[in-house]
Amino acid sequence: MSHRNPDLVVDRASPGPPGEICSGRAAFGELDRVLAVLRRDEVDPDLDPAPDVEDLENLARVFSEAGLTVDVSLSGASQVPASVSLAAYRIIQEALTNSLRHSGARRAAVDVAMGDGRLVLTISDDGEGDPQALAPGRGIVGMRERASVHGGVITLGRSQTGGIEVQADLKWEPTR
């Protein structure tokens, strides 16, 4: 006799081995976190809220503990939509991950300028690497996708310290 575990679901839509199993509870937990972002005023205190630009000091601390000293600068004031703030956080996280893993950087700087309907990010490091020689992998593609969802673009270039610089310009329609 076959017994089904109600806590497990088969995810046939994702790539991977046929019948790859994932936890239904984990999927519902992720869904709850996404919905919490959309309903900021109804956040369940037991759920961790999605990270945003307000959490950059904590992100900097994590990278510093891993060997990449990160300086964070926030300027301007604006009511940033949760989805834009999350996209900005993830773009910064990916850029810092690339600095730590691939460039040999010891220091990085994150500048976030908030304005009326616009969020400009600049992430630069002191590592080695040629921005022209970067092969767009999943990380760079993911950053570009996150930016484009918010009417923005990602540009890669040389930083003033000789490393790599990632710039992102995210936009939204401000509410009045």
N, C-alpha and C. Protein backbone atom coordinates (compact mmCIF):
# COMPACT_ATOMS: atom_id res chain seq x y z
N MET A 1 0.85 -1.18 0.00
CA MET A 1 0.00 0.00 0.00
C MET A 1 0.88 1.23 0.00
N SER A 2 0.57 2.19 -0.82
CA SER A 2 1.34 3.42 -0.95
C SER A 2 0.78 4.48 -0.02
N HIS A 3 1.67 5.11 0.75
CA HIS A 3 1.26 6.20 1.63
C HIS A 3 1.83 7.50 1.10
N ARG A 4 1.02 8.53 1.04
CA ARG A 4 1.46 9.84 0.59
C ARG A 4 1.72 10.72 1.79
N ASN A 5 2.82 11.42 1.72
CA ASN A 5 3.14 12.37 2.78
C ASN A 5 2.52 13.71 2.39
N PRO A 6 1.56 14.23 3.17
CA PRO A 6 0.88 15.48 2.79
C PRO A 6 1.79 16.70 2.87
N ASP A 7 2.94 16.56 3.51
CA ASP A 7 3.86 17.69 3.64
C ASP A 7 4.81 17.80 2.46
N LEU A 8 4.76 16.87 1.53
CA LEU A 8 5.67 16.90 0.39
C LEU A 8 4.88 17.11 -0.89
N VAL A 9 5.46 17.90 -1.79
CA VAL A 9 4.86 18.09 -3.10
C VAL A 9 5.91 17.79 -4.16
N VAL A 10 5.46 17.36 -5.30
CA VAL A 10 6.36 17.10 -6.41
C VAL A 10 6.35 18.32 -7.31
N ASP A 11 7.52 18.87 -7.55
CA ASP A 11 7.64 20.05 -8.40
C ASP A 11 8.10 19.60 -9.78
N ARG A 12 7.15 19.39 -10.67
CA ARG A 12 7.48 18.91 -12.00
C ARG A 12 7.82 20.05 -12.95
N ALA A 13 7.55 21.30 -12.55
CA ALA A 13 7.79 22.43 -13.44
C ALA A 13 9.24 22.90 -13.41
N SER A 14 9.96 22.59 -12.34
CA SER A 14 11.33 23.09 -12.26
C SER A 14 12.29 22.13 -12.92
N PRO A 15 13.42 22.67 -13.42
CA PRO A 15 14.40 21.78 -14.01
C PRO A 15 15.01 20.91 -12.92
N GLY A 16 15.52 19.80 -13.29
CA GLY A 16 16.13 18.91 -12.32
C GLY A 16 15.62 17.51 -12.55
N PRO A 17 16.00 16.61 -11.69
CA PRO A 17 15.56 15.23 -11.88
C PRO A 17 14.05 15.12 -11.85
N PRO A 18 13.47 14.26 -12.66
CA PRO A 18 12.02 14.09 -12.63
C PRO A 18 11.57 13.71 -11.22
N GLY A 19 10.47 14.31 -10.80
CA GLY A 19 9.95 13.97 -9.48
C GLY A 19 10.73 14.59 -8.35
N GLU A 20 11.52 15.62 -8.63
CA GLU A 20 12.28 16.28 -7.57
C GLU A 20 11.30 16.73 -6.50
N ILE A 21 11.61 16.44 -5.26
CA ILE A 21 10.67 16.72 -4.19
C ILE A 21 11.14 17.92 -3.38
N CYS A 22 10.20 18.80 -3.08
CA CYS A 22 10.52 19.92 -2.21
C CYS A 22 9.47 19.97 -1.10
N SER A 23 9.80 20.57 -0.04
CA SER A 23 8.90 20.63 1.10
C SER A 23 7.78 21.61 0.83
N GLY A 24 6.55 21.15 1.01
CA GLY A 24 5.40 22.03 0.85
C GLY A 24 5.40 23.13 1.89
N ARG A 25 5.82 22.79 3.09
CA ARG A 25 5.88 23.81 4.15
C ARG A 25 6.89 24.88 3.81
N ALA A 26 8.02 24.49 3.25
CA ALA A 26 9.03 25.48 2.86
C ALA A 26 8.48 26.40 1.77
N ALA A 27 7.74 25.82 0.83
CA ALA A 27 7.15 26.63 -0.24
C ALA A 27 6.13 27.61 0.33
N PHE A 28 5.30 27.15 1.28
CA PHE A 28 4.34 28.05 1.89
C PHE A 28 5.04 29.13 2.72
N GLY A 29 6.13 28.77 3.37
CA GLY A 29 6.90 29.75 4.12
C GLY A 29 7.44 30.84 3.22
N GLU A 30 7.95 30.45 2.06
CA GLU A 30 8.47 31.44 1.10
C GLU A 30 7.33 32.31 0.59
N LEU A 31 6.19 31.71 0.30
CA LEU A 31 5.03 32.46 -0.16
C LEU A 31 4.60 33.47 0.91
N ASP A 32 4.62 33.05 2.17
CA ASP A 32 4.26 33.97 3.26
C ASP A 32 5.21 35.16 3.30
N ARG A 33 6.50 34.94 3.08
CA ARG A 33 7.47 36.04 3.09
C ARG A 33 7.23 37.00 1.93
N VAL A 34 6.91 36.46 0.77
CA VAL A 34 6.61 37.32 -0.38
C VAL A 34 5.37 38.15 -0.11
N LEU A 35 4.35 37.51 0.42
CA LEU A 35 3.12 38.25 0.72
C LEU A 35 3.35 39.29 1.81
N ALA A 36 4.24 39.02 2.74
CA ALA A 36 4.55 39.99 3.79
C ALA A 36 5.16 41.25 3.20
N VAL A 37 5.96 41.10 2.15
CA VAL A 37 6.53 42.27 1.48
C VAL A 37 5.41 43.08 0.85
N LEU A 38 4.46 42.40 0.26
CA LEU A 38 3.37 43.09 -0.41
C LEU A 38 2.40 43.73 0.58
N ARG A 39 2.31 43.16 1.77
CA ARG A 39 1.41 43.68 2.80
C ARG A 39 2.23 44.13 4.00
N ARG A 40 3.04 45.14 3.83
CA ARG A 40 3.95 45.60 4.89
C ARG A 40 3.24 45.84 6.22
N ASP A 41 2.02 46.35 6.20
CA ASP A 41 1.34 46.68 7.45
C ASP A 41 0.70 45.46 8.12
N GLU A 42 0.73 44.30 7.48
CA GLU A 42 0.13 43.10 8.04
C GLU A 42 1.17 42.01 8.28
N VAL A 43 2.41 42.39 8.56
CA VAL A 43 3.50 41.42 8.70
C VAL A 43 3.32 40.60 9.97
N ASP A 44 3.40 39.31 9.83
CA ASP A 44 3.37 38.40 10.96
C ASP A 44 4.70 38.52 11.69
N PRO A 45 4.70 38.80 12.99
CA PRO A 45 5.96 38.99 13.70
C PRO A 45 6.84 37.75 13.72
N ASP A 46 6.26 36.57 13.44
CA ASP A 46 7.07 35.36 13.41
C ASP A 46 7.82 35.17 12.09
N LEU A 47 7.49 35.96 11.08
CA LEU A 47 8.15 35.86 9.78
C LEU A 47 9.25 36.90 9.69
N ASP A 48 10.37 36.51 9.14
CA ASP A 48 11.41 37.48 8.87
C ASP A 48 10.98 38.30 7.67
N PRO A 49 10.98 39.63 7.77
CA PRO A 49 10.61 40.43 6.61
C PRO A 49 11.71 40.34 5.54
N ALA A 50 11.33 40.59 4.32
CA ALA A 50 12.30 40.59 3.23
C ALA A 50 13.29 41.73 3.47
N PRO A 51 14.56 41.52 3.13
CA PRO A 51 15.54 42.58 3.33
C PRO A 51 15.29 43.75 2.39
N ASP A 52 15.78 44.92 2.80
CA ASP A 52 15.67 46.11 1.96
C ASP A 52 16.86 47.03 2.22
N VAL A 53 16.85 48.21 1.63
CA VAL A 53 18.00 49.10 1.76
C VAL A 53 18.24 49.52 3.20
N GLU A 54 17.24 49.40 4.06
CA GLU A 54 17.43 49.70 5.47
C GLU A 54 18.34 48.67 6.15
N ASP A 55 18.52 47.51 5.53
CA ASP A 55 19.31 46.42 6.11
C ASP A 55 20.75 46.36 5.58
N LEU A 56 21.20 47.39 4.89
CA LEU A 56 22.52 47.33 4.27
C LEU A 56 23.66 47.28 5.27
N GLU A 57 23.50 47.90 6.44
CA GLU A 57 24.56 47.83 7.46
C GLU A 57 24.77 46.38 7.91
N ASN A 58 23.67 45.64 8.07
CA ASN A 58 23.80 44.22 8.44
C ASN A 58 24.47 43.43 7.32
N LEU A 59 24.11 43.72 6.08
CA LEU A 59 24.73 43.04 4.94
C LEU A 59 26.23 43.35 4.91
N ALA A 60 26.58 44.61 5.15
CA ALA A 60 28.00 45.01 5.18
C ALA A 60 28.75 44.25 6.26
N ARG A 61 28.13 44.08 7.41
CA ARG A 61 28.77 43.35 8.51
C ARG A 61 29.04 41.89 8.12
N VAL A 62 28.08 41.26 7.45
CA VAL A 62 28.26 39.87 7.02
C VAL A 62 29.44 39.76 6.06
N PHE A 63 29.53 40.68 5.09
CA PHE A 63 30.64 40.63 4.14
C PHE A 63 31.96 40.97 4.82
N SER A 64 31.94 41.88 5.77
CA SER A 64 33.17 42.22 6.49
C SER A 64 33.69 41.02 7.25
N GLU A 65 32.80 40.26 7.86
CA GLU A 65 33.19 39.04 8.57
C GLU A 65 33.78 38.00 7.62
N ALA A 66 33.38 38.05 6.36
CA ALA A 66 33.89 37.11 5.35
C ALA A 66 35.18 37.61 4.70
N GLY A 67 35.63 38.83 5.05
CA GLY A 67 36.90 39.32 4.53
C GLY A 67 36.81 40.49 3.57
N LEU A 68 35.63 41.00 3.31
CA LEU A 68 35.46 42.15 2.42
C LEU A 68 34.89 43.31 3.24
N THR A 69 35.72 44.30 3.53
CA THR A 69 35.27 45.46 4.29
C THR A 69 34.38 46.31 3.40
N VAL A 70 33.17 46.60 3.87
CA VAL A 70 32.18 47.32 3.07
C VAL A 70 31.78 48.60 3.78
N ASP A 71 31.90 49.72 3.07
CA ASP A 71 31.43 51.02 3.56
C ASP A 71 30.10 51.32 2.86
N VAL A 72 29.10 51.71 3.63
CA VAL A 72 27.77 51.99 3.10
C VAL A 72 27.45 53.46 3.28
N SER A 73 26.94 54.08 2.23
CA SER A 73 26.52 55.48 2.27
C SER A 73 25.13 55.60 1.69
N LEU A 74 24.20 56.14 2.48
CA LEU A 74 22.83 56.39 2.03
C LEU A 74 22.61 57.89 1.97
N SER A 75 22.06 58.37 0.87
CA SER A 75 21.77 59.80 0.77
C SER A 75 20.40 60.01 0.16
N GLY A 76 19.83 61.16 0.47
CA GLY A 76 18.51 61.49 -0.04
C GLY A 76 17.44 60.89 0.83
N ALA A 77 16.24 61.23 0.50
CA ALA A 77 15.10 60.70 1.25
C ALA A 77 13.96 60.46 0.27
N SER A 78 13.35 59.32 0.42
CA SER A 78 12.25 58.98 -0.46
C SER A 78 11.52 57.80 0.13
N GLN A 79 10.25 57.70 -0.17
CA GLN A 79 9.47 56.53 0.19
C GLN A 79 9.67 55.52 -0.93
N VAL A 80 10.53 54.53 -0.68
CA VAL A 80 10.88 53.54 -1.70
C VAL A 80 9.92 52.36 -1.59
N PRO A 81 9.25 51.99 -2.70
CA PRO A 81 8.37 50.82 -2.66
C PRO A 81 9.15 49.56 -2.24
N ALA A 82 8.47 48.67 -1.54
CA ALA A 82 9.12 47.46 -1.02
C ALA A 82 9.78 46.64 -2.13
N SER A 83 9.13 46.50 -3.28
CA SER A 83 9.70 45.69 -4.35
C SER A 83 10.98 46.32 -4.91
N VAL A 84 11.03 47.64 -4.99
CA VAL A 84 12.23 48.34 -5.47
C VAL A 84 13.35 48.19 -4.44
N SER A 85 13.01 48.35 -3.17
CA SER A 85 14.00 48.23 -2.11
C SER A 85 14.58 46.82 -2.05
N LEU A 86 13.75 45.81 -2.21
CA LEU A 86 14.23 44.43 -2.23
C LEU A 86 15.13 44.19 -3.43
N ALA A 87 14.72 44.69 -4.61
CA ALA A 87 15.56 44.54 -5.81
C ALA A 87 16.92 45.20 -5.59
N ALA A 88 16.92 46.40 -5.01
CA ALA A 88 18.18 47.11 -4.74
C ALA A 88 19.06 46.29 -3.80
N TYR A 89 18.49 45.77 -2.73
CA TYR A 89 19.24 44.95 -1.78
C TYR A 89 19.87 43.76 -2.48
N ARG A 90 19.09 43.06 -3.30
CA ARG A 90 19.60 41.86 -3.98
C ARG A 90 20.69 42.21 -5.01
N ILE A 91 20.54 43.34 -5.69
CA ILE A 91 21.58 43.77 -6.64
C ILE A 91 22.87 44.05 -5.88
N ILE A 92 22.77 44.75 -4.77
CA ILE A 92 23.95 45.06 -3.96
C ILE A 92 24.57 43.77 -3.42
N GLN A 93 23.74 42.87 -2.93
CA GLN A 93 24.22 41.59 -2.41
C GLN A 93 24.99 40.82 -3.48
N GLU A 94 24.46 40.77 -4.70
CA GLU A 94 25.12 40.04 -5.78
C GLU A 94 26.44 40.71 -6.18
N ALA A 95 26.43 42.04 -6.27
CA ALA A 95 27.66 42.75 -6.62
C ALA A 95 28.75 42.51 -5.58
N LEU A 96 28.38 42.54 -4.30
CA LEU A 96 29.37 42.30 -3.23
C LEU A 96 29.84 40.84 -3.25
N THR A 97 28.94 39.93 -3.54
CA THR A 97 29.32 38.52 -3.65
C THR A 97 30.35 38.34 -4.77
N ASN A 98 30.11 38.99 -5.90
CA ASN A 98 31.08 38.91 -7.01
C ASN A 98 32.42 39.52 -6.61
N SER A 99 32.39 40.63 -5.88
CA SER A 99 33.64 41.25 -5.42
C SER A 99 34.42 40.29 -4.53
N LEU A 100 33.72 39.65 -3.62
CA LEU A 100 34.37 38.73 -2.68
C LEU A 100 34.89 37.48 -3.38
N ARG A 101 34.10 36.91 -4.25
CA ARG A 101 34.46 35.63 -4.89
C ARG A 101 35.45 35.76 -6.04
N HIS A 102 35.30 36.79 -6.85
CA HIS A 102 36.00 36.80 -8.13
C HIS A 102 37.09 37.84 -8.30
N SER A 103 37.04 38.94 -7.54
CA SER A 103 37.98 40.03 -7.85
C SER A 103 39.17 40.12 -6.91
N GLY A 104 39.13 39.40 -5.81
CA GLY A 104 40.20 39.51 -4.84
C GLY A 104 40.16 40.83 -4.08
N ALA A 105 39.03 41.48 -4.07
CA ALA A 105 38.89 42.78 -3.40
C ALA A 105 39.00 42.63 -1.89
N ARG A 106 39.53 43.67 -1.27
CA ARG A 106 39.58 43.74 0.19
C ARG A 106 38.59 44.77 0.73
N ARG A 107 38.27 45.76 -0.11
CA ARG A 107 37.34 46.83 0.29
C ARG A 107 36.31 47.03 -0.81
N ALA A 108 35.12 47.43 -0.37
CA ALA A 108 34.06 47.77 -1.31
C ALA A 108 33.28 48.94 -0.73
N ALA A 109 32.69 49.71 -1.60
CA ALA A 109 31.85 50.83 -1.19
C ALA A 109 30.49 50.68 -1.85
N VAL A 110 29.45 50.96 -1.06
CA VAL A 110 28.08 50.93 -1.55
C VAL A 110 27.49 52.31 -1.32
N ASP A 111 27.09 52.96 -2.40
CA ASP A 111 26.45 54.26 -2.32
C ASP A 111 25.03 54.13 -2.84
N VAL A 112 24.08 54.58 -2.03
CA VAL A 112 22.67 54.52 -2.41
C VAL A 112 22.13 55.95 -2.35
N ALA A 113 21.68 56.44 -3.50
CA ALA A 113 21.11 57.78 -3.58
C ALA A 113 19.62 57.64 -3.88
N MET A 114 18.80 58.14 -2.97
CA MET A 114 17.35 58.05 -3.11
C MET A 114 16.80 59.40 -3.50
N GLY A 115 15.92 59.40 -4.48
CA GLY A 115 15.30 60.64 -4.92
C GLY A 115 13.84 60.39 -5.25
N ASP A 116 13.22 61.36 -5.82
CA ASP A 116 11.81 61.28 -6.14
C ASP A 116 11.58 60.29 -7.28
N GLY A 117 11.20 59.08 -6.93
CA GLY A 117 10.93 58.05 -7.94
C GLY A 117 12.17 57.42 -8.54
N ARG A 118 13.29 57.54 -7.84
CA ARG A 118 14.54 57.02 -8.41
C ARG A 118 15.47 56.56 -7.29
N LEU A 119 16.14 55.45 -7.53
CA LEU A 119 17.13 54.90 -6.60
C LEU A 119 18.36 54.58 -7.42
N VAL A 120 19.47 55.23 -7.11
CA VAL A 120 20.72 55.01 -7.85
C VAL A 120 21.71 54.31 -6.94
N LEU A 121 22.20 53.17 -7.38
CA LEU A 121 23.15 52.36 -6.62
C LEU A 121 24.51 52.39 -7.30
N THR A 122 25.55 52.52 -6.51
CA THR A 122 26.91 52.38 -7.01
C THR A 122 27.66 51.47 -6.06
N ILE A 123 28.13 50.34 -6.57
CA ILE A 123 28.87 49.38 -5.78
C ILE A 123 30.24 49.24 -6.45
N SER A 124 31.29 49.58 -5.71
CA SER A 124 32.63 49.53 -6.30
C SER A 124 33.57 48.79 -5.36
N ASP A 125 34.63 48.21 -5.93
CA ASP A 125 35.61 47.51 -5.11
C ASP A 125 37.02 47.86 -5.55
N ASP A 126 37.99 47.39 -4.78
CA ASP A 126 39.40 47.65 -5.08
C ASP A 126 40.09 46.41 -5.64
N GLY A 127 39.32 45.48 -6.15
CA GLY A 127 39.88 44.23 -6.65
C GLY A 127 40.44 44.35 -8.05
N GLU A 128 40.76 43.19 -8.59
CA GLU A 128 41.30 43.12 -9.94
C GLU A 128 40.20 42.63 -10.87
N GLY A 129 40.34 42.97 -12.09
CA GLY A 129 39.37 42.51 -13.07
C GLY A 129 39.12 43.56 -14.12
N ASP A 130 38.77 43.08 -15.27
CA ASP A 130 38.48 43.96 -16.40
C ASP A 130 36.99 43.90 -16.67
N PRO A 131 36.28 45.02 -16.47
CA PRO A 131 34.83 44.99 -16.69
C PRO A 131 34.46 44.59 -18.11
N GLN A 132 35.32 44.88 -19.07
CA GLN A 132 35.03 44.54 -20.47
C GLN A 132 35.15 43.03 -20.71
N ALA A 133 35.90 42.35 -19.84
CA ALA A 133 36.14 40.92 -20.04
C ALA A 133 35.16 40.05 -19.26
N LEU A 134 34.26 40.66 -18.52
CA LEU A 134 33.31 39.88 -17.72
C LEU A 134 32.34 39.14 -18.61
N ALA A 135 32.24 37.86 -18.38
CA ALA A 135 31.25 37.05 -19.08
C ALA A 135 29.99 37.06 -18.23
N PRO A 136 28.88 37.57 -18.77
CA PRO A 136 27.67 37.64 -17.96
C PRO A 136 27.20 36.26 -17.52
N GLY A 137 27.36 35.98 -16.25
CA GLY A 137 26.85 34.74 -15.67
C GLY A 137 25.49 34.99 -15.06
N ARG A 138 25.04 34.04 -14.26
CA ARG A 138 23.71 34.17 -13.66
C ARG A 138 23.59 35.41 -12.78
N GLY A 139 24.67 35.75 -12.06
CA GLY A 139 24.62 36.90 -11.16
C GLY A 139 24.40 38.21 -11.89
N ILE A 140 25.18 38.44 -12.93
CA ILE A 140 25.04 39.68 -13.70
C ILE A 140 23.69 39.71 -14.42
N VAL A 141 23.31 38.59 -14.98
CA VAL A 141 22.01 38.51 -15.65
C VAL A 141 20.90 38.78 -14.65
N GLY A 142 20.99 38.21 -13.45
CA GLY A 142 19.99 38.43 -12.42
C GLY A 142 19.90 39.89 -12.00
N MET A 143 21.07 40.55 -11.88
CA MET A 143 21.05 41.98 -11.54
C MET A 143 20.35 42.77 -12.63
N ARG A 144 20.66 42.46 -13.88
CA ARG A 144 20.01 43.18 -14.99
C ARG A 144 18.51 42.95 -15.01
N GLU A 145 18.09 41.72 -14.74
CA GLU A 145 16.66 41.43 -14.72
C GLU A 145 15.96 42.18 -13.61
N ARG A 146 16.56 42.21 -12.42
CA ARG A 146 15.95 42.93 -11.29
C ARG A 146 15.83 44.42 -11.60
N ALA A 147 16.86 44.98 -12.23
CA ALA A 147 16.82 46.40 -12.58
C ALA A 147 15.76 46.67 -13.64
N SER A 148 15.69 45.82 -14.65
CA SER A 148 14.76 46.07 -15.75
C SER A 148 13.30 45.99 -15.30
N VAL A 149 13.01 45.16 -14.31
CA VAL A 149 11.65 45.07 -13.78
C VAL A 149 11.21 46.44 -13.24
N HIS A 150 12.17 47.23 -12.79
CA HIS A 150 11.87 48.54 -12.22
C HIS A 150 12.32 49.68 -13.13
N GLY A 151 12.26 49.44 -14.44
CA GLY A 151 12.57 50.48 -15.41
C GLY A 151 14.01 50.93 -15.38
N GLY A 152 14.89 50.09 -14.90
CA GLY A 152 16.28 50.48 -14.73
C GLY A 152 17.26 49.70 -15.57
N VAL A 153 18.51 50.06 -15.39
CA VAL A 153 19.60 49.41 -16.11
C VAL A 153 20.76 49.17 -15.14
N ILE A 154 21.62 48.24 -15.53
CA ILE A 154 22.87 47.95 -14.82
C ILE A 154 24.01 48.28 -15.78
N THR A 155 25.01 48.99 -15.28
CA THR A 155 26.22 49.22 -16.06
C THR A 155 27.42 48.75 -15.26
N LEU A 156 28.38 48.19 -15.96
CA LEU A 156 29.62 47.71 -15.35
C LEU A 156 30.77 48.55 -15.89
N GLY A 157 31.67 48.92 -15.00
CA GLY A 157 32.82 49.71 -15.43
C GLY A 157 33.96 49.58 -14.45
N ARG A 158 34.96 50.40 -14.65
CA ARG A 158 36.15 50.42 -13.80
C ARG A 158 35.91 51.42 -12.66
N SER A 159 36.22 51.01 -11.44
CA SER A 159 36.07 51.91 -10.29
C SER A 159 37.27 52.83 -10.19
N GLN A 160 37.16 53.87 -9.38
CA GLN A 160 38.27 54.81 -9.19
C GLN A 160 39.47 54.14 -8.54
N THR A 161 39.24 53.05 -7.82
CA THR A 161 40.34 52.33 -7.17
C THR A 161 40.90 51.22 -8.05
N GLY A 162 40.43 51.14 -9.29
CA GLY A 162 40.96 50.16 -10.23
C GLY A 162 40.19 48.87 -10.29
N GLY A 163 39.21 48.70 -9.44
CA GLY A 163 38.41 47.48 -9.44
C GLY A 163 37.20 47.60 -10.34
N ILE A 164 36.20 46.86 -10.00
CA ILE A 164 34.96 46.85 -10.77
C ILE A 164 33.94 47.76 -10.10
N GLU A 165 33.13 48.42 -10.92
CA GLU A 165 32.04 49.24 -10.40
C GLU A 165 30.75 48.81 -11.09
N VAL A 166 29.73 48.59 -10.27
CA VAL A 166 28.40 48.26 -10.77
C VAL A 166 27.50 49.44 -10.43
N GLN A 167 26.79 49.93 -11.44
CA GLN A 167 25.82 51.00 -11.20
C GLN A 167 24.44 50.50 -11.62
N ALA A 168 23.47 50.83 -10.80
CA ALA A 168 22.09 50.48 -11.10
C ALA A 168 21.23 51.71 -10.90
N ASP A 169 20.30 51.89 -11.79
CA ASP A 169 19.38 53.02 -11.73
C ASP A 169 17.97 52.44 -11.78
N LEU A 170 17.27 52.46 -10.64
CA LEU A 170 15.92 51.90 -10.54
C LEU A 170 14.91 53.02 -10.44
N LYS A 171 13.76 52.84 -11.07
CA LYS A 171 12.75 53.90 -11.11
C LYS A 171 11.38 53.34 -10.75
N TRP A 172 10.53 54.23 -10.27
CA TRP A 172 9.13 53.91 -10.00
C TRP A 172 8.34 55.20 -10.05
N GLU A 173 7.06 55.04 -10.12
CA GLU A 173 6.16 56.20 -10.15
C GLU A 173 5.87 56.58 -8.71
N PRO A 174 6.37 57.75 -8.26
CA PRO A 174 6.15 58.14 -6.86
C PRO A 174 4.68 58.46 -6.61
N THR A 175 4.25 58.15 -5.40
CA THR A 175 2.88 58.49 -5.00
C THR A 175 2.89 59.86 -4.35
N ARG A 176 1.87 60.61 -4.61
CA ARG A 176 1.81 61.98 -4.07
C ARG A 176 0.68 62.10 -3.10
